């Protein structure tokens, strides 16, 4: 994986899969952050489409992805402390 592609600022052309790979987030975390139903059949959808469907901006989605990253980091830290 190219380090230049890690934790890139979100862009409209990106897909949930790309976000997961860039941020090293598991699928369930990505789907939750992007408000996608894990039971819906998978399809190629862009972040622009997701933002439009949810009447949000890309910055709003970025905030949700950042929060998912922070939550995962906190969980990892809590596990180390056990």
PDB file of N, CA and C in Angstrom:
ATOM      1  N   UNK A   1       0.838  -1.182   0.000  1.00  0.00           N
ATOM      2  CA  UNK A   1       0.000   0.000   0.000  1.00  0.00           C
ATOM      3  C   UNK A   1       0.883   1.245   0.000  1.00  0.00           C
ATOM      4  N   UNK A   2       0.569   2.126  -0.890  1.00  0.00           N
ATOM      5  CA  UNK A   2       1.306   3.371  -1.035  1.00  0.00           C
ATOM      6  C   UNK A   2       0.984   4.302   0.130  1.00  0.00           C
ATOM      7  N   UNK A   3       1.992   4.732   0.905  1.00  0.00           N
ATOM      8  CA  UNK A   3       1.730   5.625   2.040  1.00  0.00           C
ATOM      9  C   UNK A   3       1.020   6.915   1.639  1.00  0.00           C
ATOM     10  N   UNK A   4       1.178   7.330   0.396  1.00  0.00           N
ATOM     11  CA  UNK A   4       0.516   8.552  -0.073  1.00  0.00           C
ATOM     12  C   UNK A   4      -1.001   8.395  -0.102  1.00  0.00           C
ATOM     13  N   UNK A   5      -1.468   7.154  -0.091  1.00  0.00           N
ATOM     14  CA  UNK A   5      -2.905   6.904  -0.154  1.00  0.00           C
ATOM     15  C   UNK A   5      -3.509   6.629   1.219  1.00  0.00           C
ATOM     16  N   UNK A   6      -2.706   6.719   2.254  1.00  0.00           N
ATOM     17  CA  UNK A   6      -3.197   6.431   3.596  1.00  0.00           C
ATOM     18  C   UNK A   6      -3.844   7.669   4.208  1.00  0.00           C
ATOM     19  N   UNK A   7      -5.034   7.467   4.727  1.00  0.00           N
ATOM     20  CA  UNK A   7      -5.792   8.511   5.422  1.00  0.00           C
ATOM     21  C   UNK A   7      -5.891   9.804   4.615  1.00  0.00           C
ATOM     22  N   UNK A   8      -6.160   9.644   3.320  1.00  0.00           N
ATOM     23  CA  UNK A   8      -6.370  10.799   2.454  1.00  0.00           C
ATOM     24  C   UNK A   8      -7.644  11.518   2.855  1.00  0.00           C
ATOM     25  N   UNK A   9      -7.668  12.815   2.655  1.00  0.00           N
ATOM     26  CA  UNK A   9      -8.920  13.547   2.835  1.00  0.00           C
ATOM     27  C   UNK A   9      -9.940  12.975   1.864  1.00  0.00           C
ATOM     28  N   UNK A  10     -11.184  12.839   2.317  1.00  0.00           N
ATOM     29  CA  UNK A  10     -12.210  12.246   1.469  1.00  0.00           C
ATOM     30  C   UNK A  10     -12.468  13.109   0.244  1.00  0.00           C
ATOM     31  N   UNK A  11     -12.737  12.443  -0.856  1.00  0.00           N
ATOM     32  CA  UNK A  11     -13.063  13.106  -2.117  1.00  0.00           C
ATOM     33  C   UNK A  11     -14.306  12.437  -2.688  1.00  0.00           C
ATOM     34  N   UNK A  12     -15.052  13.170  -3.462  1.00  0.00           N
ATOM     35  CA  UNK A  12     -16.316  12.683  -3.995  1.00  0.00           C
ATOM     36  C   UNK A  12     -16.228  11.416  -4.817  1.00  0.00           C
ATOM     37  N   UNK A  13     -15.128  11.188  -5.492  1.00  0.00           N
ATOM     38  CA  UNK A  13     -14.982  10.013  -6.358  1.00  0.00           C
ATOM     39  C   UNK A  13     -14.719   8.729  -5.576  1.00  0.00           C
ATOM     40  N   UNK A  14     -14.320   8.854  -4.325  1.00  0.00           N
ATOM     41  CA  UNK A  14     -13.953   7.667  -3.543  1.00  0.00           C
ATOM     42  C   UNK A  14     -15.168   6.783  -3.287  1.00  0.00           C
ATOM     43  N   UNK A  15     -14.887   5.506  -3.096  1.00  0.00           N
ATOM     44  CA  UNK A  15     -15.919   4.537  -2.752  1.00  0.00           C
ATOM     45  C   UNK A  15     -15.728   4.103  -1.303  1.00  0.00           C
ATOM     46  N   UNK A  16     -16.738   3.502  -0.696  1.00  0.00           N
ATOM     47  CA  UNK A  16     -16.559   3.001   0.665  1.00  0.00           C
ATOM     48  C   UNK A  16     -15.375   2.034   0.780  1.00  0.00           C
ATOM     49  N   UNK A  17     -15.186   1.189  -0.196  1.00  0.00           N
ATOM     50  CA  UNK A  17     -14.064   0.242  -0.158  1.00  0.00           C
ATOM     51  C   UNK A  17     -12.729   0.977  -0.133  1.00  0.00           C
ATOM     52  N   UNK A  18     -12.611   2.017  -0.943  1.00  0.00           N
ATOM     53  CA  UNK A  18     -11.385   2.809  -0.974  1.00  0.00           C
ATOM     54  C   UNK A  18     -11.141   3.453   0.385  1.00  0.00           C
ATOM     55  N   UNK A  19     -12.204   3.990   0.989  1.00  0.00           N
ATOM     56  CA  UNK A  19     -12.083   4.621   2.307  1.00  0.00           C
ATOM     57  C   UNK A  19     -11.590   3.585   3.324  1.00  0.00           C
ATOM     58  N   UNK A  20     -12.171   2.402   3.296  1.00  0.00           N
ATOM     59  CA  UNK A  20     -11.757   1.342   4.218  1.00  0.00           C
ATOM     60  C   UNK A  20     -10.284   1.011   4.076  1.00  0.00           C
ATOM     61  N   UNK A  21      -9.820   0.938   2.838  1.00  0.00           N
ATOM     62  CA  UNK A  21      -8.410   0.614   2.607  1.00  0.00           C
ATOM     63  C   UNK A  21      -7.504   1.770   2.998  1.00  0.00           C
ATOM     64  N   UNK A  22      -7.913   2.982   2.672  1.00  0.00           N
ATOM     65  CA  UNK A  22      -7.096   4.149   2.976  1.00  0.00           C
ATOM     66  C   UNK A  22      -6.967   4.370   4.482  1.00  0.00           C
ATOM     67  N   UNK A  23      -8.063   4.137   5.201  1.00  0.00           N
ATOM     68  CA  UNK A  23      -8.077   4.390   6.643  1.00  0.00           C
ATOM     69  C   UNK A  23      -7.872   3.125   7.469  1.00  0.00           C
ATOM     70  N   UNK A  24      -7.687   2.010   6.793  1.00  0.00           N
ATOM     71  CA  UNK A  24      -7.493   0.730   7.470  1.00  0.00           C
ATOM     72  C   UNK A  24      -8.636   0.458   8.465  1.00  0.00           C
ATOM     73  N   UNK A  25      -9.848   0.695   7.987  1.00  0.00           N
ATOM     74  CA  UNK A  25     -11.047   0.471   8.782  1.00  0.00           C
ATOM     75  C   UNK A  25     -11.757  -0.785   8.286  1.00  0.00           C
ATOM     76  N   UNK A  26     -12.236  -1.613   9.195  1.00  0.00           N
ATOM     77  CA  UNK A  26     -13.007  -2.783   8.774  1.00  0.00           C
ATOM     78  C   UNK A  26     -14.307  -2.358   8.074  1.00  0.00           C
ATOM     79  N   UNK A  27     -14.801  -3.237   7.248  1.00  0.00           N
ATOM     80  CA  UNK A  27     -16.004  -2.962   6.452  1.00  0.00           C
ATOM     81  C   UNK A  27     -17.160  -2.464   7.310  1.00  0.00           C
ATOM     82  N   UNK A  28     -17.424  -3.118   8.439  1.00  0.00           N
ATOM     83  CA  UNK A  28     -18.563  -2.722   9.262  1.00  0.00           C
ATOM     84  C   UNK A  28     -18.418  -1.288   9.783  1.00  0.00           C
ATOM     85  N   UNK A  29     -17.204  -0.884  10.099  1.00  0.00           N
ATOM     86  CA  UNK A  29     -16.970   0.495  10.587  1.00  0.00           C
ATOM     87  C   UNK A  29     -17.182   1.509   9.470  1.00  0.00           C
ATOM     88  N   UNK A  30     -16.721   1.157   8.269  1.00  0.00           N
ATOM     89  CA  UNK A  30     -16.895   2.054   7.119  1.00  0.00           C
ATOM     90  C   UNK A  30     -18.380   2.219   6.812  1.00  0.00           C
ATOM     91  N   UNK A  31     -19.094   1.103   6.752  1.00  0.00           N
ATOM     92  CA  UNK A  31     -20.515   1.168   6.431  1.00  0.00           C
ATOM     93  C   UNK A  31     -21.266   1.994   7.472  1.00  0.00           C
ATOM     94  N   UNK A  32     -20.931   1.819   8.726  1.00  0.00           N
ATOM     95  CA  UNK A  32     -21.577   2.592   9.782  1.00  0.00           C
ATOM     96  C   UNK A  32     -21.251   4.077   9.642  1.00  0.00           C
ATOM     97  N   UNK A  33     -19.987   4.407   9.442  1.00  0.00           N
ATOM     98  CA  UNK A  33     -19.575   5.810   9.314  1.00  0.00           C
ATOM     99  C   UNK A  33     -20.236   6.486   8.116  1.00  0.00           C
ATOM    100  N   UNK A  34     -20.440   5.712   7.053  1.00  0.00           N
ATOM    101  CA  UNK A  34     -21.019   6.282   5.833  1.00  0.00           C
ATOM    102  C   UNK A  34     -22.527   6.059   5.734  1.00  0.00           C
ATOM    103  N   UNK A  35     -23.109   5.559   6.825  1.00  0.00           N
ATOM    104  CA  UNK A  35     -24.559   5.373   6.919  1.00  0.00           C
ATOM    105  C   UNK A  35     -25.106   4.441   5.849  1.00  0.00           C
ATOM    106  N   UNK A  36     -24.385   3.369   5.585  1.00  0.00           N
ATOM    107  CA  UNK A  36     -24.816   2.376   4.603  1.00  0.00           C
ATOM    108  C   UNK A  36     -25.300   1.129   5.333  1.00  0.00           C
ATOM    109  N   UNK A  37     -26.351   0.533   4.825  1.00  0.00           N
ATOM    110  CA  UNK A  37     -26.929  -0.666   5.418  1.00  0.00           C
ATOM    111  C   UNK A  37     -26.098  -1.875   5.018  1.00  0.00           C
ATOM    112  N   UNK A  38     -25.544  -2.604   5.990  1.00  0.00           N
ATOM    113  CA  UNK A  38     -24.727  -3.774   5.650  1.00  0.00           C
ATOM    114  C   UNK A  38     -25.528  -4.895   5.000  1.00  0.00           C
ATOM    115  N   UNK A  39     -26.860  -4.840   5.093  1.00  0.00           N
ATOM    116  CA  UNK A  39     -27.699  -5.868   4.487  1.00  0.00           C
ATOM    117  C   UNK A  39     -28.094  -5.563   3.055  1.00  0.00           C
ATOM    118  N   UNK A  40     -27.825  -4.328   2.607  1.00  0.00           N
ATOM    119  CA  UNK A  40     -28.108  -3.987   1.211  1.00  0.00           C
ATOM    120  C   UNK A  40     -27.088  -4.676   0.317  1.00  0.00           C
ATOM    121  N   UNK A  41     -27.525  -5.089  -0.859  1.00  0.00           N
ATOM    122  CA  UNK A  41     -26.553  -5.700  -1.776  1.00  0.00           C
ATOM    123  C   UNK A  41     -25.432  -4.713  -2.098  1.00  0.00           C
ATOM    124  N   UNK A  42     -24.201  -5.178  -2.128  1.00  0.00           N
ATOM    125  CA  UNK A  42     -23.085  -4.264  -2.429  1.00  0.00           C
ATOM    126  C   UNK A  42     -23.199  -3.702  -3.843  1.00  0.00           C
ATOM    127  N   UNK A  43     -22.892  -2.452  -3.978  1.00  0.00           N
ATOM    128  CA  UNK A  43     -22.835  -1.801  -5.286  1.00  0.00           C
ATOM    129  C   UNK A  43     -21.799  -0.701  -5.210  1.00  0.00           C
ATOM    130  N   UNK A  44     -21.315  -0.332  -6.347  1.00  0.00           N
ATOM    131  CA  UNK A  44     -20.302   0.721  -6.387  1.00  0.00           C
ATOM    132  C   UNK A  44     -21.007   2.071  -6.249  1.00  0.00           C
ATOM    133  N   UNK A  45     -20.720   2.761  -5.172  1.00  0.00           N
ATOM    134  CA  UNK A  45     -21.333   4.054  -4.904  1.00  0.00           C
ATOM    135  C   UNK A  45     -20.225   5.012  -4.468  1.00  0.00           C
ATOM    136  N   UNK A  46     -20.315   6.235  -4.921  1.00  0.00           N
ATOM    137  CA  UNK A  46     -19.286   7.223  -4.570  1.00  0.00           C
ATOM    138  C   UNK A  46     -19.679   7.966  -3.300  1.00  0.00           C
ATOM    139  N   UNK A  47     -18.691   8.591  -2.691  1.00  0.00           N
ATOM    140  CA  UNK A  47     -18.969   9.401  -1.509  1.00  0.00           C
ATOM    141  C   UNK A  47     -19.854  10.593  -1.852  1.00  0.00           C
ATOM    142  N   UNK A  48     -19.747  11.115  -3.059  1.00  0.00           N
ATOM    143  CA  UNK A  48     -20.631  12.208  -3.482  1.00  0.00           C
ATOM    144  C   UNK A  48     -22.083  11.756  -3.451  1.00  0.00           C
ATOM    145  N   UNK A  49     -22.338  10.551  -3.955  1.00  0.00           N
ATOM    146  CA  UNK A  49     -23.695  10.014  -3.948  1.00  0.00           C
ATOM    147  C   UNK A  49     -24.195   9.812  -2.511  1.00  0.00           C
ATOM    148  N   UNK A  50     -23.339   9.267  -1.666  1.00  0.00           N
ATOM    149  CA  UNK A  50     -23.714   9.034  -0.269  1.00  0.00           C
ATOM    150  C   UNK A  50     -24.033  10.352   0.423  1.00  0.00           C
ATOM    151  N   UNK A  51     -23.183  11.347   0.211  1.00  0.00           N
ATOM    152  CA  UNK A  51     -23.408  12.661   0.821  1.00  0.00           C
ATOM    153  C   UNK A  51     -24.726  13.258   0.332  1.00  0.00           C
ATOM    154  N   UNK A  52     -24.970  13.195  -0.969  1.00  0.00           N
ATOM    155  CA  UNK A  52     -26.209  13.745  -1.526  1.00  0.00           C
ATOM    156  C   UNK A  52     -27.435  13.037  -0.973  1.00  0.00           C
ATOM    157  N   UNK A  53     -27.386  11.711  -0.903  1.00  0.00           N
ATOM    158  CA  UNK A  53     -28.523  10.936  -0.404  1.00  0.00           C
ATOM    159  C   UNK A  53     -28.850  11.266   1.049  1.00  0.00           C
ATOM    160  N   UNK A  54     -27.837  11.632   1.812  1.00  0.00           N
ATOM    161  CA  UNK A  54     -28.017  11.923   3.235  1.00  0.00           C
ATOM    162  C   UNK A  54     -28.043  13.415   3.542  1.00  0.00           C
ATOM    163  N   UNK A  55     -28.074  14.227   2.480  1.00  0.00           N
ATOM    164  CA  UNK A  55     -28.088  15.685   2.611  1.00  0.00           C
ATOM    165  C   UNK A  55     -26.965  16.160   3.528  1.00  0.00           C
ATOM    166  N   UNK A  56     -25.773  15.668   3.216  1.00  0.00           N
ATOM    167  CA  UNK A  56     -24.579  16.008   3.977  1.00  0.00           C
ATOM    168  C   UNK A  56     -23.507  16.505   3.021  1.00  0.00           C
ATOM    169  N   UNK A  57     -22.434  17.011   3.601  1.00  0.00           N
ATOM    170  CA  UNK A  57     -21.270  17.408   2.805  1.00  0.00           C
ATOM    171  C   UNK A  57     -20.192  16.330   2.944  1.00  0.00           C
ATOM    172  N   UNK A  58     -19.197  16.414   2.105  1.00  0.00           N
ATOM    173  CA  UNK A  58     -18.056  15.509   2.246  1.00  0.00           C
ATOM    174  C   UNK A  58     -17.353  15.749   3.580  1.00  0.00           C
ATOM    175  N   UNK A  59     -17.350  16.982   4.041  1.00  0.00           N
ATOM    176  CA  UNK A  59     -16.748  17.279   5.345  1.00  0.00           C
ATOM    177  C   UNK A  59     -17.508  16.572   6.461  1.00  0.00           C
ATOM    178  N   UNK A  60     -18.839  16.511   6.348  1.00  0.00           N
ATOM    179  CA  UNK A  60     -19.629  15.765   7.337  1.00  0.00           C
ATOM    180  C   UNK A  60     -19.222  14.294   7.349  1.00  0.00           C
ATOM    181  N   UNK A  61     -19.043  13.721   6.163  1.00  0.00           N
ATOM    182  CA  UNK A  61     -18.615  12.322   6.080  1.00  0.00           C
ATOM    183  C   UNK A  61     -17.211  12.162   6.643  1.00  0.00           C
ATOM    184  N   UNK A  62     -16.336  13.132   6.368  1.00  0.00           N
ATOM    185  CA  UNK A  62     -14.975  13.086   6.901  1.00  0.00           C
ATOM    186  C   UNK A  62     -15.013  13.062   8.424  1.00  0.00           C
ATOM    187  N   UNK A  63     -15.877  13.863   9.010  1.00  0.00           N
ATOM    188  CA  UNK A  63     -16.016  13.906  10.465  1.00  0.00           C
ATOM    189  C   UNK A  63     -16.444  12.543  11.001  1.00  0.00           C
ATOM    190  N   UNK A  64     -17.357  11.882  10.304  1.00  0.00           N
ATOM    191  CA  UNK A  64     -17.830  10.563  10.732  1.00  0.00           C
ATOM    192  C   UNK A  64     -16.724   9.509  10.605  1.00  0.00           C
ATOM    193  N   UNK A  65     -15.949   9.567   9.533  1.00  0.00           N
ATOM    194  CA  UNK A  65     -14.842   8.623   9.350  1.00  0.00           C
ATOM    195  C   UNK A  65     -13.772   8.874  10.413  1.00  0.00           C
ATOM    196  N   UNK A  66     -13.464  10.133  10.673  1.00  0.00           N
ATOM    197  CA  UNK A  66     -12.489  10.463  11.713  1.00  0.00           C
ATOM    198  C   UNK A  66     -12.950   9.955  13.079  1.00  0.00           C
ATOM    199  N   UNK A  67     -14.239  10.069  13.351  1.00  0.00           N
ATOM    200  CA  UNK A  67     -14.784   9.578  14.617  1.00  0.00           C
ATOM    201  C   UNK A  67     -14.669   8.052  14.706  1.00  0.00           C
ATOM    202  N   UNK A  68     -14.888   7.371  13.600  1.00  0.00           N
ATOM    203  CA  UNK A  68     -14.741   5.906  13.573  1.00  0.00           C
ATOM    204  C   UNK A  68     -13.288   5.513  13.844  1.00  0.00           C
ATOM    205  N   UNK A  69     -12.358   6.264  13.281  1.00  0.00           N
ATOM    206  CA  UNK A  69     -10.940   6.012  13.519  1.00  0.00           C
ATOM    207  C   UNK A  69     -10.606   6.221  14.998  1.00  0.00           C
ATOM    208  N   UNK A  70     -11.104   7.309  15.565  1.00  0.00           N
ATOM    209  CA  UNK A  70     -10.830   7.608  16.972  1.00  0.00           C
ATOM    210  C   UNK A  70     -11.423   6.537  17.880  1.00  0.00           C
ATOM    211  N   UNK A  71     -12.616   6.066  17.561  1.00  0.00           N
ATOM    212  CA  UNK A  71     -13.253   5.017  18.352  1.00  0.00           C
ATOM    213  C   UNK A  71     -12.436   3.731  18.311  1.00  0.00           C
ATOM    214  N   UNK A  72     -11.962   3.368  17.130  1.00  0.00           N
ATOM    215  CA  UNK A  72     -11.141   2.158  17.012  1.00  0.00           C
ATOM    216  C   UNK A  72      -9.846   2.305  17.799  1.00  0.00           C
ATOM    217  N   UNK A  73      -9.229   3.467  17.745  1.00  0.00           N
ATOM    218  CA  UNK A  73      -7.987   3.704  18.486  1.00  0.00           C
ATOM    219  C   UNK A  73      -8.237   3.600  19.985  1.00  0.00           C
ATOM    220  N   UNK A  74      -9.347   4.149  20.446  1.00  0.00           N
ATOM    221  CA  UNK A  74      -9.683   4.086  21.874  1.00  0.00           C
ATOM    222  C   UNK A  74      -9.921   2.644  22.306  1.00  0.00           C
ATOM    223  N   UNK A  75     -10.590   1.868  21.474  1.00  0.00           N
ATOM    224  CA  UNK A  75     -10.835   0.470  21.795  1.00  0.00           C
ATOM    225  C   UNK A  75      -9.530  -0.330  21.863  1.00  0.00           C
ATOM    226  N   UNK A  76      -8.645  -0.049  20.926  1.00  0.00           N
ATOM    227  CA  UNK A  76      -7.334  -0.733  20.935  1.00  0.00           C
ATOM    228  C   UNK A  76      -6.560  -0.392  22.199  1.00  0.00           C
ATOM    229  N   UNK A  77      -6.589   0.887  22.573  1.00  0.00           N
ATOM    230  CA  UNK A  77      -5.882   1.339  23.769  1.00  0.00           C
ATOM    231  C   UNK A  77      -6.482   0.688  25.012  1.00  0.00           C
ATOM    232  N   UNK A  78      -7.782   0.589  25.075  1.00  0.00           N
ATOM    233  CA  UNK A  78      -8.451  -0.053  26.213  1.00  0.00           C
ATOM    234  C   UNK A  78      -8.072  -1.532  26.311  1.00  0.00           C
ATOM    235  N   UNK A  79      -7.949  -2.187  25.170  1.00  0.00           N
ATOM    236  CA  UNK A  79      -7.546  -3.599  25.166  1.00  0.00           C
ATOM    237  C   UNK A  79      -6.119  -3.777  25.660  1.00  0.00           C
ATOM    238  N   UNK A  80      -5.243  -2.848  25.334  1.00  0.00           N
ATOM    239  CA  UNK A  80      -3.856  -2.923  25.796  1.00  0.00           C
ATOM    240  C   UNK A  80      -3.780  -2.733  27.300  1.00  0.00           C
ATOM    241  N   UNK A  81      -4.701  -1.934  27.830  1.00  0.00           N
ATOM    242  CA  UNK A  81      -4.694  -1.638  29.249  1.00  0.00           C
ATOM    243  C   UNK A  81      -5.274  -2.748  30.114  1.00  0.00           C
ATOM    244  N   UNK A  82      -5.949  -3.706  29.483  1.00  0.00           N
ATOM    245  CA  UNK A  82      -6.575  -4.801  30.261  1.00  0.00           C
ATOM    246  C   UNK A  82      -5.577  -5.783  30.787  1.00  0.00           C
TER     247      UNK A  82
END
